[in-house]
Amino acid sequence: MNNESYTKNTNTRPIVTKKRIGSTTYEVRSYFNPAAKESLDEKILRILKNELTSGINRGIMVMSQTVGLPERSSA
């Protein structure tokens, strides 16, 4: 893909993930801000909590279960 329409962060190397589905190979490059103030785990938990809270405020019933971090988590 030579004609890329997004801005690359040239200060860090991306995490490259490849997935083949049928005869098509998808490649995703992920960039993270080294100056971020929260970890990926913290960000995901914050987003989930916000979604649950907004669902409750809209009258949506959500069944939740406490889930620990994955075994390979760095937290």
N, C-alpha and C. Protein backbone atom coordinates (compact mmCIF):
# COMPACT_ATOMS: atom_id res chain seq x y z
N MET A 1 0.86 -1.18 0.00
CA MET A 1 0.00 0.00 0.00
C MET A 1 0.89 1.23 0.00
N ASN A 2 1.17 1.74 -1.15
CA ASN A 2 2.09 2.88 -1.28
C ASN A 2 1.41 4.22 -1.04
N ASN A 3 0.14 4.33 -1.32
CA ASN A 3 -0.57 5.60 -1.21
C ASN A 3 -1.34 5.63 0.11
N GLU A 4 -0.64 5.77 1.24
CA GLU A 4 -1.26 5.72 2.55
C GLU A 4 -1.79 7.09 2.94
N SER A 5 -3.03 7.12 3.46
CA SER A 5 -3.68 8.39 3.78
C SER A 5 -3.69 8.69 5.27
N TYR A 6 -2.83 8.04 6.04
CA TYR A 6 -2.75 8.32 7.47
C TYR A 6 -1.33 8.75 7.81
N THR A 7 -1.19 9.36 8.97
CA THR A 7 0.12 9.84 9.40
C THR A 7 0.82 8.75 10.21
N LYS A 8 2.01 8.45 9.83
CA LYS A 8 2.79 7.44 10.55
C LYS A 8 3.55 8.10 11.70
N ASN A 9 3.65 7.38 12.80
CA ASN A 9 4.48 7.81 13.91
C ASN A 9 5.87 7.24 13.62
N THR A 10 6.79 8.08 13.20
CA THR A 10 8.11 7.61 12.78
C THR A 10 9.07 7.45 13.96
N ASN A 11 8.64 7.82 15.19
CA ASN A 11 9.51 7.71 16.35
C ASN A 11 9.58 6.29 16.91
N THR A 12 8.59 5.48 16.65
CA THR A 12 8.56 4.12 17.18
C THR A 12 8.27 3.13 16.07
N ARG A 13 8.65 1.88 16.31
CA ARG A 13 8.36 0.83 15.34
C ARG A 13 6.97 0.27 15.63
N PRO A 14 6.22 -0.04 14.61
CA PRO A 14 4.86 -0.56 14.84
C PRO A 14 4.88 -2.02 15.27
N ILE A 15 3.79 -2.44 15.89
CA ILE A 15 3.56 -3.85 16.13
C ILE A 15 2.78 -4.33 14.91
N VAL A 16 3.32 -5.32 14.22
CA VAL A 16 2.70 -5.78 12.98
C VAL A 16 2.01 -7.12 13.24
N THR A 17 0.72 -7.18 12.89
CA THR A 17 -0.05 -8.40 13.04
C THR A 17 -0.56 -8.80 11.66
N LYS A 18 -0.35 -10.07 11.30
CA LYS A 18 -0.83 -10.57 10.01
C LYS A 18 -1.84 -11.67 10.25
N LYS A 19 -2.92 -11.66 9.48
CA LYS A 19 -3.96 -12.67 9.58
C LYS A 19 -4.39 -13.06 8.18
N ARG A 20 -4.38 -14.35 7.92
CA ARG A 20 -4.80 -14.85 6.61
C ARG A 20 -6.21 -15.40 6.73
N ILE A 21 -7.10 -14.91 5.90
CA ILE A 21 -8.46 -15.41 5.81
C ILE A 21 -8.69 -15.81 4.36
N GLY A 22 -8.82 -17.10 4.14
CA GLY A 22 -8.93 -17.60 2.77
C GLY A 22 -7.65 -17.32 2.02
N SER A 23 -7.76 -16.68 0.87
CA SER A 23 -6.57 -16.37 0.08
C SER A 23 -6.10 -14.93 0.28
N THR A 24 -6.70 -14.23 1.25
CA THR A 24 -6.33 -12.84 1.52
C THR A 24 -5.57 -12.74 2.83
N THR A 25 -4.44 -12.03 2.81
CA THR A 25 -3.66 -11.79 4.01
C THR A 25 -3.84 -10.33 4.42
N TYR A 26 -4.28 -10.13 5.66
CA TYR A 26 -4.47 -8.79 6.20
C TYR A 26 -3.28 -8.46 7.10
N GLU A 27 -2.76 -7.24 6.97
CA GLU A 27 -1.64 -6.79 7.79
C GLU A 27 -2.05 -5.51 8.51
N VAL A 28 -1.95 -5.53 9.83
CA VAL A 28 -2.32 -4.37 10.64
C VAL A 28 -1.08 -3.89 11.37
N ARG A 29 -0.80 -2.61 11.27
CA ARG A 29 0.33 -2.00 11.98
C ARG A 29 -0.22 -1.13 13.09
N SER A 30 0.20 -1.41 14.32
CA SER A 30 -0.29 -0.68 15.49
C SER A 30 0.81 0.19 16.06
N TYR A 31 0.48 1.43 16.32
CA TYR A 31 1.41 2.38 16.92
C TYR A 31 0.85 2.81 18.27
N PHE A 32 1.71 2.96 19.26
CA PHE A 32 1.29 3.38 20.57
C PHE A 32 2.08 4.60 21.00
N ASN A 33 1.42 5.48 21.71
CA ASN A 33 2.05 6.69 22.20
C ASN A 33 2.92 6.35 23.43
N PRO A 34 4.23 6.51 23.34
CA PRO A 34 5.09 6.19 24.49
C PRO A 34 4.84 7.10 25.69
N ALA A 35 4.20 8.23 25.49
CA ALA A 35 3.92 9.16 26.59
C ALA A 35 2.52 8.97 27.17
N ALA A 36 1.85 7.88 26.81
CA ALA A 36 0.49 7.62 27.29
C ALA A 36 0.48 7.53 28.81
N LYS A 37 -0.61 8.00 29.40
CA LYS A 37 -0.71 8.03 30.86
C LYS A 37 -1.45 6.82 31.44
N GLU A 38 -1.97 5.95 30.57
CA GLU A 38 -2.62 4.73 31.05
C GLU A 38 -2.23 3.56 30.15
N SER A 39 -2.21 2.38 30.74
CA SER A 39 -1.86 1.18 29.98
C SER A 39 -3.04 0.75 29.12
N LEU A 40 -2.81 -0.19 28.24
CA LEU A 40 -3.88 -0.71 27.39
C LEU A 40 -4.95 -1.35 28.26
N ASP A 41 -4.56 -2.11 29.28
CA ASP A 41 -5.52 -2.74 30.19
C ASP A 41 -6.39 -1.69 30.88
N GLU A 42 -5.77 -0.62 31.36
CA GLU A 42 -6.51 0.45 32.04
C GLU A 42 -7.48 1.13 31.08
N LYS A 43 -7.05 1.35 29.86
CA LYS A 43 -7.90 2.01 28.87
C LYS A 43 -9.12 1.16 28.54
N ILE A 44 -8.90 -0.15 28.33
CA ILE A 44 -10.02 -1.05 28.01
C ILE A 44 -11.00 -1.10 29.17
N LEU A 45 -10.50 -1.23 30.41
CA LEU A 45 -11.39 -1.24 31.57
C LEU A 45 -12.18 0.05 31.68
N ARG A 46 -11.54 1.19 31.43
CA ARG A 46 -12.23 2.49 31.49
C ARG A 46 -13.35 2.56 30.46
N ILE A 47 -13.06 2.11 29.24
CA ILE A 47 -14.06 2.13 28.18
C ILE A 47 -15.24 1.22 28.52
N LEU A 48 -14.94 0.01 29.03
CA LEU A 48 -16.00 -0.92 29.41
C LEU A 48 -16.87 -0.35 30.53
N LYS A 49 -16.24 0.24 31.54
CA LYS A 49 -17.00 0.84 32.64
C LYS A 49 -17.90 1.95 32.13
N ASN A 50 -17.38 2.79 31.24
CA ASN A 50 -18.18 3.87 30.67
C ASN A 50 -19.36 3.33 29.88
N GLU A 51 -19.14 2.26 29.11
CA GLU A 51 -20.22 1.65 28.34
C GLU A 51 -21.27 1.05 29.25
N LEU A 52 -20.85 0.37 30.31
CA LEU A 52 -21.80 -0.21 31.25
C LEU A 52 -22.62 0.87 31.94
N THR A 53 -21.95 1.94 32.35
CA THR A 53 -22.65 3.04 33.02
C THR A 53 -23.65 3.69 32.08
N SER A 54 -23.26 3.92 30.84
CA SER A 54 -24.19 4.57 29.90
C SER A 54 -25.35 3.63 29.57
N GLY A 55 -25.11 2.31 29.56
CA GLY A 55 -26.19 1.35 29.31
C GLY A 55 -27.19 1.35 30.45
N ILE A 56 -26.69 1.43 31.69
CA ILE A 56 -27.58 1.47 32.85
C ILE A 56 -28.41 2.74 32.82
N ASN A 57 -27.79 3.86 32.46
CA ASN A 57 -28.50 5.14 32.39
C ASN A 57 -29.58 5.13 31.31
N ARG A 58 -29.42 4.29 30.28
CA ARG A 58 -30.43 4.19 29.22
C ARG A 58 -31.45 3.10 29.52
N GLY A 59 -31.35 2.46 30.71
CA GLY A 59 -32.31 1.43 31.08
C GLY A 59 -32.00 0.06 30.50
N ILE A 60 -30.77 -0.16 30.07
CA ILE A 60 -30.38 -1.45 29.51
C ILE A 60 -29.81 -2.30 30.64
N MET A 61 -30.33 -3.51 30.77
CA MET A 61 -29.86 -4.41 31.83
C MET A 61 -28.64 -5.17 31.31
N VAL A 62 -27.55 -5.14 32.05
CA VAL A 62 -26.33 -5.82 31.64
C VAL A 62 -25.92 -6.78 32.75
N MET A 63 -25.71 -8.03 32.37
CA MET A 63 -25.22 -9.03 33.32
C MET A 63 -23.70 -8.98 33.23
N SER A 64 -23.02 -8.80 34.34
CA SER A 64 -21.57 -8.73 34.30
C SER A 64 -20.96 -9.79 35.20
N GLN A 65 -19.74 -10.13 34.91
CA GLN A 65 -18.99 -11.12 35.68
C GLN A 65 -17.60 -10.54 35.89
N THR A 66 -17.08 -10.66 37.09
CA THR A 66 -15.73 -10.16 37.35
C THR A 66 -14.74 -11.09 36.67
N VAL A 67 -13.90 -10.52 35.85
CA VAL A 67 -12.92 -11.30 35.10
C VAL A 67 -11.53 -10.81 35.47
N GLY A 68 -10.65 -11.73 35.82
CA GLY A 68 -9.27 -11.36 36.13
C GLY A 68 -8.50 -11.08 34.86
N LEU A 69 -7.30 -10.57 35.01
CA LEU A 69 -6.43 -10.31 33.88
C LEU A 69 -5.93 -11.63 33.31
N PRO A 70 -5.62 -11.68 32.02
CA PRO A 70 -5.07 -12.91 31.43
C PRO A 70 -3.79 -13.33 32.14
N GLU A 71 -3.49 -14.62 32.09
CA GLU A 71 -2.33 -15.15 32.78
C GLU A 71 -1.03 -14.47 32.36
N ARG A 72 -0.91 -14.10 31.08
CA ARG A 72 0.31 -13.48 30.59
C ARG A 72 0.33 -11.98 30.74
N SER A 73 -0.63 -11.41 31.46
CA SER A 73 -0.72 -9.98 31.64
C SER A 73 0.46 -9.47 32.46
N SER A 74 0.91 -8.26 32.14
CA SER A 74 2.05 -7.68 32.84
C SER A 74 1.64 -6.90 34.07
N ALA A 75 0.34 -6.81 34.35
CA ALA A 75 -0.12 -6.03 35.50
C ALA A 75 0.12 -6.73 36.81
